[in-house]
C-alpha atoms as a PDB file:
ATOM      1  CA  MET A   1       0.000   0.000   0.000  1.00  0.00           C
ATOM      2  CA  GLY A   2       2.786   2.422   0.904  1.00  0.00           C
ATOM      3  CA  CYS A   3       4.437   1.867  -2.476  1.00  0.00           C
ATOM      4  CA  TRP A   4       1.340   2.970  -4.364  1.00  0.00           C
ATOM      5  CA  VAL A   5       0.865   5.984  -2.100  1.00  0.00           C
ATOM      6  CA  MET A   6       4.452   6.986  -2.863  1.00  0.00           C
ATOM      7  CA  ALA A   7       3.850   6.346  -6.565  1.00  0.00           C
ATOM      8  CA  GLY A   8       0.888   8.739  -6.469  1.00  0.00           C
ATOM      9  CA  VAL A   9       2.992  11.369  -4.694  1.00  0.00           C
ATOM     10  CA  THR A  10       5.692  10.981  -7.345  1.00  0.00           C
ATOM     11  CA  PHE A  11       3.116  11.315 -10.111  1.00  0.00           C
ATOM     12  CA  ARG A  12       1.649  14.506  -8.597  1.00  0.00           C
ATOM     13  CA  GLU A  13       5.123  15.948  -8.023  1.00  0.00           C
ATOM     14  CA  ALA A  14       6.015  15.369 -11.695  1.00  0.00           C
ATOM     15  CA  SER A  15       2.785  17.091 -12.678  1.00  0.00           C
ATOM     16  CA  ARG A  16       3.552  20.024 -10.396  1.00  0.00           C
ATOM     17  CA  LYS A  17       7.005  20.396 -11.914  1.00  0.00           C
ATOM     18  CA  LYS A  18       5.396  20.270 -15.383  1.00  0.00           C
ATOM     19  CA  LEU A  19       7.421  17.167 -16.314  1.00  0.00           C
ATOM     20  CA  LEU A  20       4.269  15.416 -17.509  1.00  0.00           C
ATOM     21  CA  TRP A  21       3.190  18.314 -19.692  1.00  0.00           C
ATOM     22  CA  THR A  22       6.670  18.770 -21.135  1.00  0.00           C
ATOM     23  CA  ALA A  23       6.824  15.084 -22.083  1.00  0.00           C
ATOM     24  CA  LEU A  24       3.314  15.260 -23.530  1.00  0.00           C
ATOM     25  CA  LEU A  25       4.168  18.270 -25.690  1.00  0.00           C
ATOM     26  CA  ALA A  26       7.405  16.636 -26.846  1.00  0.00           C
ATOM     27  CA  GLY A  27       5.499  13.490 -27.842  1.00  0.00           C
ATOM     28  CA  ILE A  28       2.795  15.401 -29.700  1.00  0.00           C
ATOM     29  CA  GLY A  29       5.435  17.538 -31.448  1.00  0.00           C
ATOM     30  CA  PHE A  30       7.274  14.438 -32.605  1.00  0.00           C
ATOM     31  CA  LEU A  31       4.107  12.840 -33.949  1.00  0.00           C
ATOM     32  CA  ALA A  32       3.213  16.037 -35.825  1.00  0.00           C
ATOM     33  CA  LEU A  33       6.691  16.207 -37.371  1.00  0.00           C
ATOM     34  CA  PHE A  34       6.559  12.540 -38.374  1.00  0.00           C
ATOM     35  CA  GLY A  35       3.127  12.988 -39.954  1.00  0.00           C
ATOM     36  CA  ILE A  36       4.313  15.986 -41.980  1.00  0.00           C
ATOM     37  CA  ALA A  37       7.473  14.175 -43.109  1.00  0.00           C
ATOM     38  CA  LEU A  38       5.446  11.111 -44.082  1.00  0.00           C
ATOM     39  CA  HIS A  39       3.042  13.269 -46.076  1.00  0.00           C
ATOM     40  CA  PHE A  40       5.895  14.849 -48.041  1.00  0.00           C
ATOM     41  CA  GLN A  41       7.521  11.455 -48.611  1.00  0.00           C
ATOM     42  CA  MET A  42       4.293  10.009 -49.991  1.00  0.00           C
ATOM     43  CA  GLN A  43       3.887  12.970 -52.322  1.00  0.00           C
ATOM     44  CA  ASP A  44       7.426  12.442 -53.615  1.00  0.00           C
ATOM     45  CA  LEU A  45       6.806   8.721 -54.177  1.00  0.00           C
ATOM     46  CA  ASP A  46       3.571   9.466 -56.037  1.00  0.00           C
ATOM     47  CA  ARG A  47       5.319  12.000 -58.257  1.00  0.00           C
ATOM     48  CA  ARG A  48       8.023   9.495 -59.175  1.00  0.00           C
ATOM     49  CA  ALA A  49       5.528   6.660 -59.717  1.00  0.00           C
ATOM     50  CA  ILE A  50       7.565   4.255 -57.571  1.00  0.00           C
ATOM     51  CA  ALA A  51       6.585   0.586 -57.825  1.00  0.00           C
ATOM     52  CA  PRO A  52       4.320  -0.605 -54.964  1.00  0.00           C
ATOM     53  CA  PHE A  53       6.959  -2.986 -53.563  1.00  0.00           C
ATOM     54  CA  LEU A  54       9.650  -0.303 -53.389  1.00  0.00           C
ATOM     55  CA  ARG A  55       7.120   2.207 -52.070  1.00  0.00           C
ATOM     56  CA  TYR A  56       6.262  -0.125 -49.193  1.00  0.00           C
ATOM     57  CA  GLN A  57       9.950  -0.678 -48.400  1.00  0.00           C
ATOM     58  CA  VAL A  58      10.689   3.056 -48.348  1.00  0.00           C
ATOM     59  CA  LEU A  59       7.738   3.837 -46.093  1.00  0.00           C
ATOM     60  CA  SER A  60       8.524   0.870 -43.826  1.00  0.00           C
ATOM     61  CA  ALA A  61      12.123   2.073 -43.491  1.00  0.00           C
ATOM     62  CA  MET A  62      10.886   5.552 -42.648  1.00  0.00           C
ATOM     63  CA  LEU A  63       8.581   4.096 -39.987  1.00  0.00           C
ATOM     64  CA  LEU A  64      11.406   2.062 -38.438  1.00  0.00           C
ATOM     65  CA  ILE A  65      13.672   5.127 -38.368  1.00  0.00           C
ATOM     66  CA  ALA A  66      10.886   7.041 -36.610  1.00  0.00           C
ATOM     67  CA  LEU A  67      10.574   4.245 -34.047  1.00  0.00           C
ATOM     68  CA  TYR A  68      14.349   4.412 -33.587  1.00  0.00           C
ATOM     69  CA  VAL A  69      13.982   8.096 -32.717  1.00  0.00           C
ATOM     70  CA  VAL A  70      11.096   7.234 -30.375  1.00  0.00           C
ATOM     71  CA  ASP A  71      13.366   4.773 -28.577  1.00  0.00           C
ATOM     72  CA  LEU A  72      16.146   7.332 -28.125  1.00  0.00           C
ATOM     73  CA  LEU A  73      13.700  10.043 -27.076  1.00  0.00           C
ATOM     74  CA  ALA A  74      11.996   7.763 -24.550  1.00  0.00           C
ATOM     75  CA  VAL A  75      15.292   6.708 -22.939  1.00  0.00           C
ATOM     76  CA  VAL A  76      16.600  10.279 -22.708  1.00  0.00           C
ATOM     77  CA  MET A  77      13.283  11.533 -21.305  1.00  0.00           C
ATOM     78  CA  THR A  78      13.353   8.706 -18.758  1.00  0.00           C
ATOM     79  CA  ILE A  79      16.804   9.685 -17.522  1.00  0.00           C
ATOM     80  CA  LEU A  80      16.191  13.437 -17.469  1.00  0.00           C
ATOM     81  CA  THR A  81      12.843  13.262 -15.665  1.00  0.00           C
ATOM     82  CA  SER A  82      13.894  10.748 -12.998  1.00  0.00           C
ATOM     83  CA  VAL A  83      17.486  11.751 -12.298  1.00  0.00           C
ATOM     84  CA  ASP A  84      16.591  14.301  -9.597  1.00  0.00           C
ATOM     85  CA  THR A  85      14.020  12.266  -7.713  1.00  0.00           C
ATOM     86  CA  ILE A  86      16.420  10.764  -5.115  1.00  0.00           C
ATOM     87  CA  PRO A  87      19.553  12.989  -5.004  1.00  0.00           C
ATOM     88  CA  GLY A  88      17.528  16.168  -5.393  1.00  0.00           C
ATOM     89  CA  GLU A  89      15.299  15.407  -2.426  1.00  0.00           C
ATOM     90  CA  ILE A  90      18.284  14.303  -0.340  1.00  0.00           C
ATOM     91  CA  ALA A  91      20.223  17.504  -1.163  1.00  0.00           C
ATOM     92  CA  SER A  92      17.237  19.754  -0.392  1.00  0.00           C
ATOM     93  CA  GLY A  93      16.281  17.837   2.749  1.00  0.00           C
ATOM     94  CA  THR A  94      12.696  17.222   1.586  1.00  0.00           C
ATOM     95  CA  ILE A  95      13.314  13.472   1.793  1.00  0.00           C
ATOM     96  CA  HIS A  96      13.191  13.839   5.592  1.00  0.00           C
ATOM     97  CA  ALA A  97       9.491  14.685   5.442  1.00  0.00           C
ATOM     98  CA  ILE A  98       8.880  11.251   3.904  1.00  0.00           C
ATOM     99  CA  ALA A  99      11.570   9.133   5.538  1.00  0.00           C
ATOM    100  CA  THR A 100      10.502  10.123   9.063  1.00  0.00           C
ATOM    101  CA  LYS A 101       7.013   8.730   8.504  1.00  0.00           C
ATOM    102  CA  PRO A 102       6.249   5.096   9.416  1.00  0.00           C
ATOM    103  CA  MET A 103       7.117   3.911   5.934  1.00  0.00           C
ATOM    104  CA  PRO A 104      10.072   1.611   5.189  1.00  0.00           C
ATOM    105  CA  ARG A 105      12.695   3.101   2.932  1.00  0.00           C
ATOM    106  CA  TRP A 106      12.247   0.326   0.396  1.00  0.00           C
ATOM    107  CA  GLN A 107       8.630   1.418  -0.076  1.00  0.00           C
ATOM    108  CA  ILE A 108       9.778   4.986  -0.743  1.00  0.00           C
ATOM    109  CA  LEU A 109      12.180   3.881  -3.477  1.00  0.00           C
ATOM    110  CA  ILE A 110       9.855   1.299  -5.022  1.00  0.00           C
ATOM    111  CA  GLY A 111       7.002   3.794  -4.920  1.00  0.00           C
ATOM    112  CA  LYS A 112       9.034   6.378  -6.792  1.00  0.00           C
ATOM    113  CA  TRP A 113      10.124   3.706  -9.267  1.00  0.00           C
ATOM    114  CA  LEU A 114       6.517   2.658  -9.875  1.00  0.00           C
ATOM    115  CA  GLY A 115       5.399   6.251 -10.309  1.00  0.00           C
ATOM    116  CA  PHE A 116       7.972   6.900 -13.002  1.00  0.00           C
ATOM    117  CA  ALA A 117       7.324   3.486 -14.578  1.00  0.00           C
ATOM    118  CA  VAL A 118       3.657   4.427 -15.062  1.00  0.00           C
ATOM    119  CA  MET A 119       4.639   7.785 -16.580  1.00  0.00           C
ATOM    120  CA  ILE A 120       7.138   6.099 -18.901  1.00  0.00           C
ATOM    121  CA  ALA A 121       4.509   3.570 -19.972  1.00  0.00           C
ATOM    122  CA  GLY A 122       2.215   6.448 -20.924  1.00  0.00           C
ATOM    123  CA  PHE A 123       4.959   8.222 -22.857  1.00  0.00           C
ATOM    124  CA  VAL A 124       5.935   5.066 -24.770  1.00  0.00           C
ATOM    125  CA  ALA A 125       2.272   4.338 -25.522  1.00  0.00           C
ATOM    126  CA  LEU A 126       1.822   7.886 -26.844  1.00  0.00           C
ATOM    127  CA  THR A 127       4.961   8.086 -28.966  1.00  0.00           C
ATOM    128  CA  PHE A 128       5.471   4.480 -30.067  1.00  0.00           C
ATOM    129  CA  GLY A 129       1.783   3.671 -30.442  1.00  0.00           C
ATOM    130  CA  GLY A 130       1.087   7.068 -31.989  1.00  0.00           C
ATOM    131  CA  THR A 131       3.837   6.586 -34.574  1.00  0.00           C
ATOM    132  CA  VAL A 132       2.421   3.204 -35.591  1.00  0.00           C
ATOM    133  CA  VAL A 133      -1.122   4.613 -35.796  1.00  0.00           C
ATOM    134  CA  VAL A 134      -0.006   7.626 -37.874  1.00  0.00           C
ATOM    135  CA  ALA A 135       1.907   5.407 -40.306  1.00  0.00           C
ATOM    136  CA  TYR A 136      -0.972   2.975 -40.684  1.00  0.00           C
ATOM    137  CA  GLY A 137      -3.574   5.720 -41.027  1.00  0.00           C
ATOM    138  CA  MET A 138      -1.622   7.666 -43.657  1.00  0.00           C
ATOM    139  CA  CYS A 139      -0.068   4.905 -45.774  1.00  0.00           C
ATOM    140  CA  GLY A 140      -1.196   1.521 -44.471  1.00  0.00           C
ATOM    141  CA  VAL A 141       2.273   0.520 -43.245  1.00  0.00           C
ATOM    142  CA  THR A 142       2.767  -1.275 -39.928  1.00  0.00           C
ATOM    143  CA  PRO A 143       5.849  -2.846 -38.336  1.00  0.00           C
ATOM    144  CA  ALA A 144       5.981  -6.580 -37.821  1.00  0.00           C
ATOM    145  CA  HIS A 145       5.363  -7.596 -34.198  1.00  0.00           C
ATOM    146  CA  ALA A 146       4.595  -4.020 -33.131  1.00  0.00           C
ATOM    147  CA  LEU A 147       3.422  -5.021 -29.636  1.00  0.00           C
ATOM    148  CA  ARG A 148       6.600  -6.995 -28.975  1.00  0.00           C
ATOM    149  CA  GLY A 149       8.694  -4.074 -30.179  1.00  0.00           C
ATOM    150  CA  GLY A 150       6.819  -1.611 -27.971  1.00  0.00           C
ATOM    151  CA  LEU A 151       7.250  -3.813 -24.905  1.00  0.00           C
ATOM    152  CA  LEU A 152      10.983  -4.095 -25.565  1.00  0.00           C
ATOM    153  CA  VAL A 153      11.267  -0.304 -25.835  1.00  0.00           C
ATOM    154  CA  PHE A 154       9.434  -0.046 -22.512  1.00  0.00           C
ATOM    155  CA  LEU A 155      11.838  -2.585 -20.994  1.00  0.00           C
ATOM    156  CA  GLU A 156      14.776  -0.491 -22.192  1.00  0.00           C
ATOM    157  CA  CYS A 157      13.270   2.589 -20.538  1.00  0.00           C
ATOM    158  CA  LEU A 158      12.729   0.673 -17.292  1.00  0.00           C
ATOM    159  CA  LEU A 159      16.379  -0.369 -17.404  1.00  0.00           C
ATOM    160  CA  ALA A 160      17.458   3.259 -17.878  1.00  0.00           C
ATOM    161  CA  LEU A 161      15.139   4.334 -15.046  1.00  0.00           C
ATOM    162  CA  THR A 162      16.507   1.727 -12.650  1.00  0.00           C
ATOM    163  CA  VAL A 163      20.152   2.462 -13.430  1.00  0.00           C
ATOM    164  CA  THR A 164      19.534   6.208 -13.045  1.00  0.00           C
ATOM    165  CA  MET A 165      17.853   5.751  -9.668  1.00  0.00           C
ATOM    166  CA  MET A 166      20.593   3.367  -8.534  1.00  0.00           C
ATOM    167  CA  PHE A 167      23.289   5.957  -9.176  1.00  0.00           C
ATOM    168  CA  GLY A 168      21.023   8.561  -7.587  1.00  0.00           C
ATOM    169  CA  THR A 169      21.384   6.760  -4.237  1.00  0.00           C
ATOM    170  CA  TRP A 170      25.156   7.378  -4.438  1.00  0.00           C
ATOM    171  CA  PHE A 171      25.805  10.583  -6.346  1.00  0.00           C
ATOM    172  CA  SER A 172      24.419  14.057  -6.959  1.00  0.00           C
ATOM    173  CA  THR A 173      21.812  14.794  -9.614  1.00  0.00           C
ATOM    174  CA  LEU A 174      24.376  15.996 -12.155  1.00  0.00           C
ATOM    175  CA  ALA A 175      26.761  13.098 -11.604  1.00  0.00           C
ATOM    176  CA  SER A 176      23.943  10.530 -11.766  1.00  0.00           C
ATOM    177  CA  GLY A 177      22.657  11.990 -15.023  1.00  0.00           C
ATOM    178  CA  VAL A 178      26.097  12.093 -16.605  1.00  0.00           C
ATOM    179  CA  ILE A 179      26.823   8.476 -15.634  1.00  0.00           C
ATOM    180  CA  ALA A 180      23.443   7.174 -16.832  1.00  0.00           C
ATOM    181  CA  ILE A 181      23.608   9.014 -20.162  1.00  0.00           C
ATOM    182  CA  GLY A 182      27.267   8.041 -20.531  1.00  0.00           C
ATOM    183  CA  LEU A 183      26.452   4.353 -20.064  1.00  0.00           C
ATOM    184  CA  HIS A 184      23.651   4.553 -22.593  1.00  0.00           C
ATOM    185  CA  GLY A 185      25.991   6.357 -24.980  1.00  0.00           C
ATOM    186  CA  LEU A 186      28.544   3.586 -24.511  1.00  0.00           C
ATOM    187  CA  ALA A 187      25.892   0.979 -25.320  1.00  0.00           C
ATOM    188  CA  PHE A 188      24.769   3.037 -28.328  1.00  0.00           C
ATOM    189  CA  MET A 189      28.322   3.181 -29.666  1.00  0.00           C
ATOM    190  CA  GLY A 190      28.782  -0.542 -29.103  1.00  0.00           C
ATOM    191  CA  GLY A 191      25.630  -1.272 -31.072  1.00  0.00           C
ATOM    192  CA  TRP A 192      26.858   0.796 -34.002  1.00  0.00           C
ATOM    193  CA  LEU A 193      30.224  -0.928 -33.918  1.00  0.00           C
ATOM    194  CA  GLU A 194      28.446  -4.255 -34.299  1.00  0.00           C
ATOM    195  CA  GLN A 195      26.498  -2.907 -37.274  1.00  0.00           C
ATOM    196  CA  MET A 196      29.726  -1.629 -38.846  1.00  0.00           C
ATOM    197  CA  SER A 197      31.143  -5.152 -38.585  1.00  0.00           C
ATOM    198  CA  GLY A 198      28.630  -6.172 -41.241  1.00  0.00           C
ATOM    199  CA  PHE A 199      30.313  -3.741 -43.627  1.00  0.00           C
ATOM    200  CA  THR A 200      33.930  -4.382 -42.621  1.00  0.00           C
ATOM    201  CA  SER A 201      33.614  -8.100 -41.707  1.00  0.00           C
ATOM    202  CA  SER A 202      35.505  -7.443 -38.474  1.00  0.00           C
ATOM    203  CA  ALA A 203      35.001 -10.035 -35.725  1.00  0.00           C
ATOM    204  CA  ARG A 204      36.769  -7.733 -33.263  1.00  0.00           C
ATOM    205  CA  LEU A 205      34.092  -5.081 -33.677  1.00  0.00           C
ATOM    206  CA  ILE A 206      31.446  -7.678 -32.857  1.00  0.00           C
ATOM    207  CA  ASP A 207      33.374  -8.711 -29.739  1.00  0.00           C
ATOM    208  CA  LEU A 208      33.734  -5.071 -28.681  1.00  0.00           C
ATOM    209  CA  GLY A 209      30.015  -4.512 -29.175  1.00  0.00           C
ATOM    210  CA  ILE A 210      29.193  -7.593 -27.093  1.00  0.00           C
ATOM    211  CA  VAL A 211      31.425  -6.367 -24.251  1.00  0.00           C
ATOM    212  CA  THR A 212      29.686  -2.975 -24.195  1.00  0.00           C
ATOM    213  CA  SER A 213      26.326  -4.767 -24.228  1.00  0.00           C
ATOM    214  CA  LEU A 214      27.318  -6.650 -21.108  1.00  0.00           C
ATOM    215  CA  ILE A 215      28.330  -3.400 -19.403  1.00  0.00           C
ATOM    216  CA  MET A 216      25.030  -1.739 -20.361  1.00  0.00           C
ATOM    217  CA  PRO A 217      22.506  -3.828 -22.342  1.00  0.00           C
ATOM    218  CA  SER A 218      20.102  -1.028 -23.274  1.00  0.00           C
ATOM    219  CA  GLU A 219      21.046  -0.846 -26.958  1.00  0.00           C
ATOM    220  CA  SER A 220      20.796  -4.635 -27.283  1.00  0.00           C
ATOM    221  CA  ILE A 221      17.134  -4.409 -26.301  1.00  0.00           C
ATOM    222  CA  TRP A 222      16.483  -1.902 -29.087  1.00  0.00           C
ATOM    223  CA  ARG A 223      18.373  -3.945 -31.676  1.00  0.00           C
ATOM    224  CA  ARG A 224      16.267  -6.966 -30.795  1.00  0.00           C
ATOM    225  CA  ALA A 225      13.120  -4.849 -31.109  1.00  0.00           C
ATOM    226  CA  ALA A 226      14.300  -3.535 -34.481  1.00  0.00           C
ATOM    227  CA  PHE A 227      15.020  -7.077 -35.678  1.00  0.00           C
ATOM    228  CA  ASP A 228      11.520  -8.180 -34.697  1.00  0.00           C
ATOM    229  CA  MET A 229       9.830  -5.195 -36.383  1.00  0.00           C
ATOM    230  CA  GLN A 230      11.823  -4.757 -39.599  1.00  0.00           C
ATOM    231  CA  THR A 231      11.036  -5.994 -43.094  1.00  0.00           C
ATOM    232  CA  PRO A 232      13.231  -8.787 -44.535  1.00  0.00           C
ATOM    233  CA  LEU A 233      14.807  -6.349 -47.005  1.00  0.00           C
ATOM    234  CA  ALA A 234      15.856  -3.915 -44.266  1.00  0.00           C
ATOM    235  CA  GLY A 235      17.452  -6.737 -42.312  1.00  0.00           C
ATOM    236  CA  ALA A 236      19.336  -7.960 -45.369  1.00  0.00           C
ATOM    237  CA  LEU A 237      21.245  -4.676 -45.756  1.00  0.00           C
ATOM    238  CA  PRO A 238      24.808  -5.189 -44.472  1.00  0.00           C
ATOM    239  CA  PHE A 239      25.233  -1.697 -42.998  1.00  0.00           C
ATOM    240  CA  SER A 240      22.342   0.051 -41.306  1.00  0.00           C
ATOM    241  CA  PRO A 241      21.026   0.604 -37.776  1.00  0.00           C
ATOM    242  CA  PHE A 242      18.813  -2.437 -38.356  1.00  0.00           C
ATOM    243  CA  ALA A 243      21.193  -4.859 -40.071  1.00  0.00           C
ATOM    244  CA  ASN A 244      20.958  -8.499 -39.025  1.00  0.00           C
ATOM    245  CA  VAL A 245      24.489  -8.536 -37.635  1.00  0.00           C
ATOM    246  CA  SER A 246      25.048 -10.192 -34.248  1.00  0.00           C
ATOM    247  CA  ILE A 247      21.337 -10.172 -33.432  1.00  0.00           C
ATOM    248  CA  PRO A 248      20.707 -10.096 -29.652  1.00  0.00           C
ATOM    249  CA  SER A 249      19.188 -13.394 -28.571  1.00  0.00           C
ATOM    250  CA  GLY A 250      16.464 -14.119 -26.064  1.00  0.00           C
ATOM    251  CA  THR A 251      19.248 -14.883 -23.611  1.00  0.00           C
ATOM    252  CA  MET A 252      20.539 -11.327 -23.987  1.00  0.00           C
ATOM    253  CA  ILE A 253      17.072  -9.939 -23.268  1.00  0.00           C
ATOM    254  CA  GLY A 254      16.945 -12.170 -20.200  1.00  0.00           C
ATOM    255  CA  TYR A 255      20.333 -10.801 -19.158  1.00  0.00           C
ATOM    256  CA  ALA A 256      18.989  -7.249 -19.522  1.00  0.00           C
ATOM    257  CA  ALA A 257      16.014  -8.111 -17.287  1.00  0.00           C
ATOM    258  CA  PHE A 258      18.369  -9.681 -14.736  1.00  0.00           C
ATOM    259  CA  TYR A 259      20.620  -6.586 -14.958  1.00  0.00           C
ATOM    260  CA  LEU A 260      17.563  -4.439 -14.169  1.00  0.00           C
ATOM    261  CA  LEU A 261      16.669  -6.523 -11.108  1.00  0.00           C
ATOM    262  CA  VAL A 262      20.247  -6.427  -9.802  1.00  0.00           C
ATOM    263  CA  ALA A 263      20.400  -2.637 -10.270  1.00  0.00           C
ATOM    264  CA  LEU A 264      17.095  -2.273  -8.417  1.00  0.00           C
ATOM    265  CA  ALA A 265      18.336  -4.505  -5.575  1.00  0.00           C
ATOM    266  CA  VAL A 266      21.557  -2.476  -5.284  1.00  0.00           C
ATOM    267  CA  ALA A 267      19.550   0.754  -5.240  1.00  0.00           C
ATOM    268  CA  LEU A 268      17.299  -0.570  -2.483  1.00  0.00           C
ATOM    269  CA  TYR A 269      20.241  -1.746  -0.390  1.00  0.00           C
ATOM    270  CA  HIS A 270      22.245   1.470  -0.683  1.00  0.00           C
ATOM    271  CA  PHE A 271      19.208   3.708  -0.129  1.00  0.00           C
ATOM    272  CA  HIS A 272      18.417   1.751   3.024  1.00  0.00           C
ATOM    273  CA  GLU A 273      21.993   1.992   4.342  1.00  0.00           C
ATOM    274  CA  ARG A 274      22.940   5.561   3.433  1.00  0.00           C
ATOM    275  CA  ASP A 275      22.696   8.492   5.812  1.00  0.00           C
ATOM    276  CA  LEU A 276      19.972  10.864   4.671  1.00  0.00           C
END
């Protein structure tokens, strides 16, 4: 019960700070931009009288690129909106108003985590689901296994949320944000190195990408989502963000889920032990 009370407090606090409205406007702005770009692309394809097969491939690629942007936007929004929730309240002393109540510290942390998880779910539903709906409504194109892809994007955001909150029990707001974004950037670079290996045929790049995925598996989750959603032609390209090079397996997704649970356990332990 205490967890859900804390989740509601977190939700109201985000609304008071206008985090919810900022995320909502960002999501709506992205969908508007994607719709306009898709409209112009369809006009260009009509003018050139592109064959239906190639037309579908172009529009499908554009949809997958938009979902790629959704993934990046969702992860960054997750980090930026949650990074201050623990270190900020500790630095300002407002955490004392909660921690002195008859509520275990683990309920405070889990409650905050649940509150942000609900907000992230709404943002992913708006942006990811909205992108799919816009694409289908305007040109009849949908990604394969859209639900599976959306759930994987949500899992990636939960991983980013958990890692951010874990570092927030140790470091200041700025340091926590830099570390969380830096880890995601490392994973992002590792993912691109693996895609480049399809062009250069370098086994060492694949190994380097795998190592970075073990350090931070966020990008592996997206690459699995992209593999599940892409068309066969997009996956056959040797060099692209969606190339079928070193495809993350179900075991890797399981590792990412385990990584999330370990990070959450570490956050709970350190938050319980630290001096507020």
